[in-house]
Amino acid sequence: MHQSNTANICSTGWTSALLILGIIAGLMTPTVFAAKADRNQPIDVTANEKVTDYKQGTSIYTGNVVINQGSLHATGDKATLYVEKGELVRAVLEGKPATFQELDDKGQLVKGSANDANYLAQQQKIILTGNAKLDRQGDTLSSQQITYDMNAEVVKAGGKTGGERVHVVIQPRSKNADQPQDGKPAATTPSAKP
């Protein structure tokens, strides 16, 4: 069996893991954004080295790891895939930092970074650890750890110790065309009575 076969076996799960990173960034607003079209694109992985251990069910990519799929672009120092019975169980992207960016379905860029991005397929969770940051349209979420439970649709941000704080910045959205720039309601003129 060639090493490329393992990449094909893992591609569906790895795609899910990477797309989840983009989904998390969309959670800063009520709507979940993910580039659905990217799921149908081929995955292109480059690295300085790849080692597959078929008995252990792991594929490890090291050194300048670059993963592209459609508009998704992820980088890291190391990517490890854990496979059982041909199914992805876990995927870990590590870096200083590991980064990703992707266009959402509205064409807006979603970016993120963390020291580690850990996707747990069976639990449907992704955990960003170590200087975790997300950015979408200038809205940012940063924390030592950000966890997204896809089944419960819950995002939790914060460190394991009580001294670490979460930081969120939400940019103002464009004003309604009827409202003047000063933020005050537009003056109305009384209508003439017939």
Foldseek 3Di string as FASTA:
>chain_A
DDPVVLCVLEVLVVLVLQQVLQQVLCLVDVDGWGAPVQSPFDKDWDAPDWDADVVQQKIKGAHFIWIDTPQKIKTAGMKMFHDDPSYTQKIKGAHVKIKMWGQTPVRWIKIWIARMWMAGVVQRKIKGAHFTWIATPRWMKTERMWMARPVVRDIDGYDPDPVTDIDTDDDDDDDDPQADPVRDHDDDDDDDDD
